[in-house]
Structures are given as C-alpha cells and as structure tokens.
PDB file of all heavy atoms in Angstrom:
ATOM      1  N   LYS A   1       4.475 -50.251 -30.877  1.00  0.00           N
ATOM      2  CA  LYS A   1       5.315 -51.426 -30.672  1.00  0.00           C
ATOM      3  C   LYS A   1       4.674 -52.616 -31.368  1.00  0.00           C
ATOM      4  O   LYS A   1       3.458 -52.710 -31.447  1.00  0.00           O
ATOM      5  CB  LYS A   1       5.434 -51.756 -29.176  1.00  0.00           C
ATOM      6  CG  LYS A   1       6.090 -50.698 -28.349  1.00  0.00           C
ATOM      7  CD  LYS A   1       6.103 -51.101 -26.894  1.00  0.00           C
ATOM      8  CE  LYS A   1       6.478 -49.920 -26.028  1.00  0.00           C
ATOM      9  NZ  LYS A   1       6.286 -50.196 -24.626  1.00  0.00           N
ATOM     10  N   SER A   2       5.509 -53.524 -31.827  1.00  0.00           N
ATOM     11  CA  SER A   2       5.025 -54.763 -32.422  1.00  0.00           C
ATOM     12  C   SER A   2       5.255 -55.892 -31.422  1.00  0.00           C
ATOM     13  O   SER A   2       6.383 -56.139 -31.015  1.00  0.00           O
ATOM     14  CB  SER A   2       5.773 -55.053 -33.722  1.00  0.00           C
ATOM     15  OG  SER A   2       5.335 -56.269 -34.268  1.00  0.00           O
ATOM     16  N   VAL A   3       4.166 -56.561 -31.028  1.00  0.00           N
ATOM     17  CA  VAL A   3       4.237 -57.665 -30.078  1.00  0.00           C
ATOM     18  C   VAL A   3       3.562 -58.870 -30.718  1.00  0.00           C
ATOM     19  O   VAL A   3       2.351 -58.855 -30.962  1.00  0.00           O
ATOM     20  CB  VAL A   3       3.543 -57.299 -28.746  1.00  0.00           C
ATOM     21  CG1 VAL A   3       3.576 -58.469 -27.782  1.00  0.00           C
ATOM     22  CG2 VAL A   3       4.177 -56.067 -28.133  1.00  0.00           C
ATOM     23  N   ASN A   4       4.349 -59.916 -30.995  1.00  0.00           N
ATOM     24  CA  ASN A   4       3.846 -61.146 -31.617  1.00  0.00           C
ATOM     25  C   ASN A   4       3.077 -60.880 -32.914  1.00  0.00           C
ATOM     26  O   ASN A   4       2.023 -61.457 -33.149  1.00  0.00           O
ATOM     27  CB  ASN A   4       2.963 -61.920 -30.639  1.00  0.00           C
ATOM     28  CG  ASN A   4       3.725 -62.372 -29.419  1.00  0.00           C
ATOM     29  OD1 ASN A   4       4.924 -62.626 -29.491  1.00  0.00           O
ATOM     30  ND2 ASN A   4       3.042 -62.460 -28.300  1.00  0.00           N
ATOM     31  N   GLY A   5       3.580 -59.970 -33.730  1.00  0.00           N
ATOM     32  CA  GLY A   5       2.953 -59.692 -35.008  1.00  0.00           C
ATOM     33  C   GLY A   5       1.752 -58.767 -34.950  1.00  0.00           C
ATOM     34  O   GLY A   5       1.131 -58.492 -35.962  1.00  0.00           O
ATOM     35  N   GLN A   6       1.406 -58.292 -33.760  1.00  0.00           N
ATOM     36  CA  GLN A   6       0.304 -57.349 -33.611  1.00  0.00           C
ATOM     37  C   GLN A   6       0.828 -56.067 -32.997  1.00  0.00           C
ATOM     38  O   GLN A   6       1.827 -56.066 -32.277  1.00  0.00           O
ATOM     39  CB  GLN A   6      -0.801 -57.936 -32.749  1.00  0.00           C
ATOM     40  CG  GLN A   6      -1.473 -59.132 -33.378  1.00  0.00           C
ATOM     41  CD  GLN A   6      -2.678 -59.579 -32.592  1.00  0.00           C
ATOM     42  OE1 GLN A   6      -2.840 -59.239 -31.428  1.00  0.00           O
ATOM     43  NE2 GLN A   6      -3.534 -60.355 -33.231  1.00  0.00           N
ATOM     44  N   LEU A   7       0.141 -54.964 -33.275  1.00  0.00           N
ATOM     45  CA  LEU A   7       0.599 -53.656 -32.826  1.00  0.00           C
ATOM     46  C   LEU A   7      -0.045 -53.254 -31.513  1.00  0.00           C
ATOM     47  O   LEU A   7      -1.231 -53.493 -31.287  1.00  0.00           O
ATOM     48  CB  LEU A   7       0.273 -52.602 -33.880  1.00  0.00           C
ATOM     49  CG  LEU A   7       0.889 -52.816 -35.254  1.00  0.00           C
ATOM     50  CD1 LEU A   7       0.418 -51.734 -36.202  1.00  0.00           C
ATOM     51  CD2 LEU A   7       2.394 -52.834 -35.167  1.00  0.00           C
ATOM     52  N   VAL A   8       0.762 -52.624 -30.662  1.00  0.00           N
ATOM     53  CA  VAL A   8       0.282 -52.004 -29.426  1.00  0.00           C
ATOM     54  C   VAL A   8       0.605 -50.520 -29.557  1.00  0.00           C
ATOM     55  O   VAL A   8       1.763 -50.140 -29.749  1.00  0.00           O
ATOM     56  CB  VAL A   8       0.962 -52.603 -28.186  1.00  0.00           C
ATOM     57  CG1 VAL A   8       0.527 -51.877 -26.931  1.00  0.00           C
ATOM     58  CG2 VAL A   8       0.675 -54.091 -28.084  1.00  0.00           C
ATOM     59  N   ILE A   9      -0.425 -49.682 -29.478  1.00  0.00           N
ATOM     60  CA  ILE A   9      -0.283 -48.247 -29.696  1.00  0.00           C
ATOM     61  C   ILE A   9      -0.602 -47.510 -28.404  1.00  0.00           C
ATOM     62  O   ILE A   9      -1.644 -47.739 -27.800  1.00  0.00           O
ATOM     63  CB  ILE A   9      -1.213 -47.779 -30.828  1.00  0.00           C
ATOM     64  CG1 ILE A   9      -0.873 -48.510 -32.119  1.00  0.00           C
ATOM     65  CG2 ILE A   9      -1.129 -46.274 -31.010  1.00  0.00           C
ATOM     66  CD1 ILE A   9      -1.856 -48.305 -33.230  1.00  0.00           C
ATOM     67  N   ASN A  10       0.310 -46.618 -27.988  1.00  0.00           N
ATOM     68  CA  ASN A  10       0.093 -45.753 -26.829  1.00  0.00           C
ATOM     69  C   ASN A  10      -0.014 -44.314 -27.310  1.00  0.00           C
ATOM     70  O   ASN A  10       0.847 -43.837 -28.056  1.00  0.00           O
ATOM     71  CB  ASN A  10       1.248 -45.871 -25.833  1.00  0.00           C
ATOM     72  CG  ASN A  10       1.317 -47.229 -25.197  1.00  0.00           C
ATOM     73  OD1 ASN A  10       0.300 -47.859 -24.934  1.00  0.00           O
ATOM     74  ND2 ASN A  10       2.518 -47.706 -24.954  1.00  0.00           N
ATOM     75  N   LEU A  11      -1.074 -43.632 -26.881  1.00  0.00           N
ATOM     76  CA  LEU A  11      -1.304 -42.232 -27.258  1.00  0.00           C
ATOM     77  C   LEU A  11      -1.380 -41.371 -26.008  1.00  0.00           C
ATOM     78  O   LEU A  11      -2.073 -41.723 -25.050  1.00  0.00           O
ATOM     79  CB  LEU A  11      -2.625 -42.095 -28.010  1.00  0.00           C
ATOM     80  CG  LEU A  11      -2.757 -42.810 -29.332  1.00  0.00           C
ATOM     81  CD1 LEU A  11      -4.195 -42.753 -29.815  1.00  0.00           C
ATOM     82  CD2 LEU A  11      -1.853 -42.172 -30.341  1.00  0.00           C
ATOM     83  N   HIS A  12      -0.719 -40.237 -26.022  1.00  0.00           N
ATOM     84  CA  HIS A  12      -0.817 -39.243 -24.963  1.00  0.00           C
ATOM     85  C   HIS A  12      -1.410 -37.995 -25.599  1.00  0.00           C
ATOM     86  O   HIS A  12      -0.812 -37.411 -26.500  1.00  0.00           O
ATOM     87  CB  HIS A  12       0.570 -38.954 -24.371  1.00  0.00           C
ATOM     88  CG  HIS A  12       1.143 -40.120 -23.636  1.00  0.00           C
ATOM     89  ND1 HIS A  12       0.981 -40.282 -22.292  1.00  0.00           N
ATOM     90  CD2 HIS A  12       1.842 -41.192 -24.067  1.00  0.00           C
ATOM     91  CE1 HIS A  12       1.576 -41.398 -21.919  1.00  0.00           C
ATOM     92  NE2 HIS A  12       2.113 -41.974 -22.975  1.00  0.00           N
ATOM     93  N   ILE A  13      -2.609 -37.604 -25.132  1.00  0.00           N
ATOM     94  CA  ILE A  13      -3.336 -36.523 -25.790  1.00  0.00           C
ATOM     95  C   ILE A  13      -3.782 -35.458 -24.794  1.00  0.00           C
ATOM     96  O   ILE A  13      -3.762 -35.668 -23.575  1.00  0.00           O
ATOM     97  CB  ILE A  13      -4.576 -37.058 -26.540  1.00  0.00           C
ATOM     98  CG1 ILE A  13      -5.566 -37.676 -25.559  1.00  0.00           C
ATOM     99  CG2 ILE A  13      -4.180 -38.043 -27.613  1.00  0.00           C
ATOM    100  CD1 ILE A  13      -6.916 -37.994 -26.178  1.00  0.00           C
ATOM    101  N   SER A  14      -4.200 -34.328 -25.347  1.00  0.00           N
ATOM    102  CA  SER A  14      -4.900 -33.308 -24.567  1.00  0.00           C
ATOM    103  C   SER A  14      -6.294 -33.156 -25.168  1.00  0.00           C
ATOM    104  O   SER A  14      -6.464 -33.289 -26.384  1.00  0.00           O
ATOM    105  CB  SER A  14      -4.132 -31.982 -24.591  1.00  0.00           C
ATOM    106  OG  SER A  14      -4.069 -31.464 -25.891  1.00  0.00           O
ATOM    107  N   VAL A  15      -7.266 -32.911 -24.312  1.00  0.00           N
ATOM    108  CA  VAL A  15      -8.653 -32.811 -24.761  1.00  0.00           C
ATOM    109  C   VAL A  15      -9.255 -31.487 -24.322  1.00  0.00           C
ATOM    110  O   VAL A  15      -8.746 -30.811 -23.440  1.00  0.00           O
ATOM    111  CB  VAL A  15      -9.520 -33.976 -24.225  1.00  0.00           C
ATOM    112  CG1 VAL A  15      -9.027 -35.304 -24.764  1.00  0.00           C
ATOM    113  CG2 VAL A  15      -9.541 -34.004 -22.726  1.00  0.00           C
ATOM    114  N   SER A  16     -10.365 -31.136 -24.945  1.00  0.00           N
ATOM    115  CA  SER A  16     -11.085 -29.908 -24.605  1.00  0.00           C
ATOM    116  C   SER A  16     -11.847 -30.082 -23.306  1.00  0.00           C
ATOM    117  O   SER A  16     -12.356 -31.164 -23.002  1.00  0.00           O
ATOM    118  CB  SER A  16     -12.087 -29.562 -25.710  1.00  0.00           C
ATOM    119  OG  SER A  16     -11.443 -29.337 -26.914  1.00  0.00           O
ATOM    120  N   TYR A  17     -11.948 -28.999 -22.561  1.00  0.00           N
ATOM    121  CA  TYR A  17     -12.704 -29.009 -21.320  1.00  0.00           C
ATOM    122  C   TYR A  17     -14.196 -29.130 -21.629  1.00  0.00           C
ATOM    123  O   TYR A  17     -14.711 -28.510 -22.539  1.00  0.00           O
ATOM    124  CB  TYR A  17     -12.454 -27.720 -20.531  1.00  0.00           C
ATOM    125  CG  TYR A  17     -13.230 -27.643 -19.244  1.00  0.00           C
ATOM    126  CD1 TYR A  17     -12.817 -28.342 -18.135  1.00  0.00           C
ATOM    127  CD2 TYR A  17     -14.388 -26.892 -19.170  1.00  0.00           C
ATOM    128  CE1 TYR A  17     -13.525 -28.292 -16.953  1.00  0.00           C
ATOM    129  CE2 TYR A  17     -15.115 -26.831 -17.996  1.00  0.00           C
ATOM    130  CZ  TYR A  17     -14.676 -27.534 -16.890  1.00  0.00           C
ATOM    131  OH  TYR A  17     -15.390 -27.489 -15.731  1.00  0.00           O
ATOM    132  N   GLY A  18     -14.897 -29.966 -20.876  1.00  0.00           N
ATOM    133  CA  GLY A  18     -16.339 -30.079 -20.996  1.00  0.00           C
ATOM    134  C   GLY A  18     -16.830 -31.160 -21.937  1.00  0.00           C
ATOM    135  O   GLY A  18     -18.031 -31.293 -22.137  1.00  0.00           O
ATOM    136  N   VAL A  19     -15.944 -31.926 -22.519  1.00  0.00           N
ATOM    137  CA  VAL A  19     -16.381 -32.998 -23.409  1.00  0.00           C
ATOM    138  C   VAL A  19     -16.388 -34.328 -22.657  1.00  0.00           C
ATOM    139  O   VAL A  19     -15.717 -34.482 -21.640  1.00  0.00           O
ATOM    140  CB  VAL A  19     -15.483 -33.104 -24.666  1.00  0.00           C
ATOM    141  CG1 VAL A  19     -15.603 -31.874 -25.526  1.00  0.00           C
ATOM    142  CG2 VAL A  19     -14.049 -33.355 -24.291  1.00  0.00           C
ATOM    143  N   ASN A  20     -17.148 -35.268 -23.166  1.00  0.00           N
ATOM    144  CA  ASN A  20     -17.253 -36.584 -22.551  1.00  0.00           C
ATOM    145  C   ASN A  20     -15.984 -37.377 -22.891  1.00  0.00           C
ATOM    146  O   ASN A  20     -15.786 -37.792 -24.037  1.00  0.00           O
ATOM    147  CB  ASN A  20     -18.496 -37.297 -23.087  1.00  0.00           C
ATOM    148  CG  ASN A  20     -18.748 -38.608 -22.405  1.00  0.00           C
ATOM    149  OD1 ASN A  20     -17.873 -39.191 -21.782  1.00  0.00           O
ATOM    150  ND2 ASN A  20     -19.979 -39.089 -22.537  1.00  0.00           N
ATOM    151  N   ILE A  21     -15.141 -37.597 -21.891  1.00  0.00           N
ATOM    152  CA  ILE A  21     -13.843 -38.218 -22.118  1.00  0.00           C
ATOM    153  C   ILE A  21     -13.983 -39.663 -22.586  1.00  0.00           C
ATOM    154  O   ILE A  21     -13.268 -40.100 -23.486  1.00  0.00           O
ATOM    155  CB  ILE A  21     -12.958 -38.110 -20.862  1.00  0.00           C
ATOM    156  CG1 ILE A  21     -12.589 -36.648 -20.653  1.00  0.00           C
ATOM    157  CG2 ILE A  21     -11.704 -38.970 -20.995  1.00  0.00           C
ATOM    158  CD1 ILE A  21     -11.795 -36.359 -19.413  1.00  0.00           C
ATOM    159  N   SER A  22     -14.911 -40.408 -22.038  1.00  0.00           N
ATOM    160  CA  SER A  22     -15.055 -41.805 -22.458  1.00  0.00           C
ATOM    161  C   SER A  22     -15.508 -41.893 -23.918  1.00  0.00           C
ATOM    162  O   SER A  22     -15.078 -42.787 -24.654  1.00  0.00           O
ATOM    163  CB  SER A  22     -16.012 -42.561 -21.549  1.00  0.00           C
ATOM    164  OG  SER A  22     -17.318 -42.049 -21.660  1.00  0.00           O
ATOM    165  N   ALA A  23     -16.336 -40.965 -24.356  1.00  0.00           N
ATOM    166  CA  ALA A  23     -16.766 -40.950 -25.761  1.00  0.00           C
ATOM    167  C   ALA A  23     -15.595 -40.607 -26.679  1.00  0.00           C
ATOM    168  O   ALA A  23     -15.449 -41.199 -27.758  1.00  0.00           O
ATOM    169  CB  ALA A  23     -17.901 -39.955 -25.960  1.00  0.00           C
ATOM    170  N   ILE A  24     -14.758 -39.656 -26.254  1.00  0.00           N
ATOM    171  CA  ILE A  24     -13.583 -39.292 -27.042  1.00  0.00           C
ATOM    172  C   ILE A  24     -12.630 -40.483 -27.158  1.00  0.00           C
ATOM    173  O   ILE A  24     -12.135 -40.800 -28.242  1.00  0.00           O
ATOM    174  CB  ILE A  24     -12.854 -38.080 -26.418  1.00  0.00           C
ATOM    175  CG1 ILE A  24     -13.681 -36.822 -26.583  1.00  0.00           C
ATOM    176  CG2 ILE A  24     -11.483 -37.890 -27.034  1.00  0.00           C
ATOM    177  CD1 ILE A  24     -13.101 -35.621 -25.881  1.00  0.00           C
TER     178      ILE A  24
END
C-alpha cells in the first residue's frame, strides 16, 4: 500500500522449524 508517498508492505510467510524467527 502507498500511504503519504511511502510504502507499507505486509508479508505472510511460512518458515522452517528450528530457526530463529526474530533473526529471519
């Protein structure tokens, strides 16, 4: 989405089990 000339991006993902989610 474009809000006031800047972009807002929403991502819905799947990740591998056992990885550090905050690092990803």
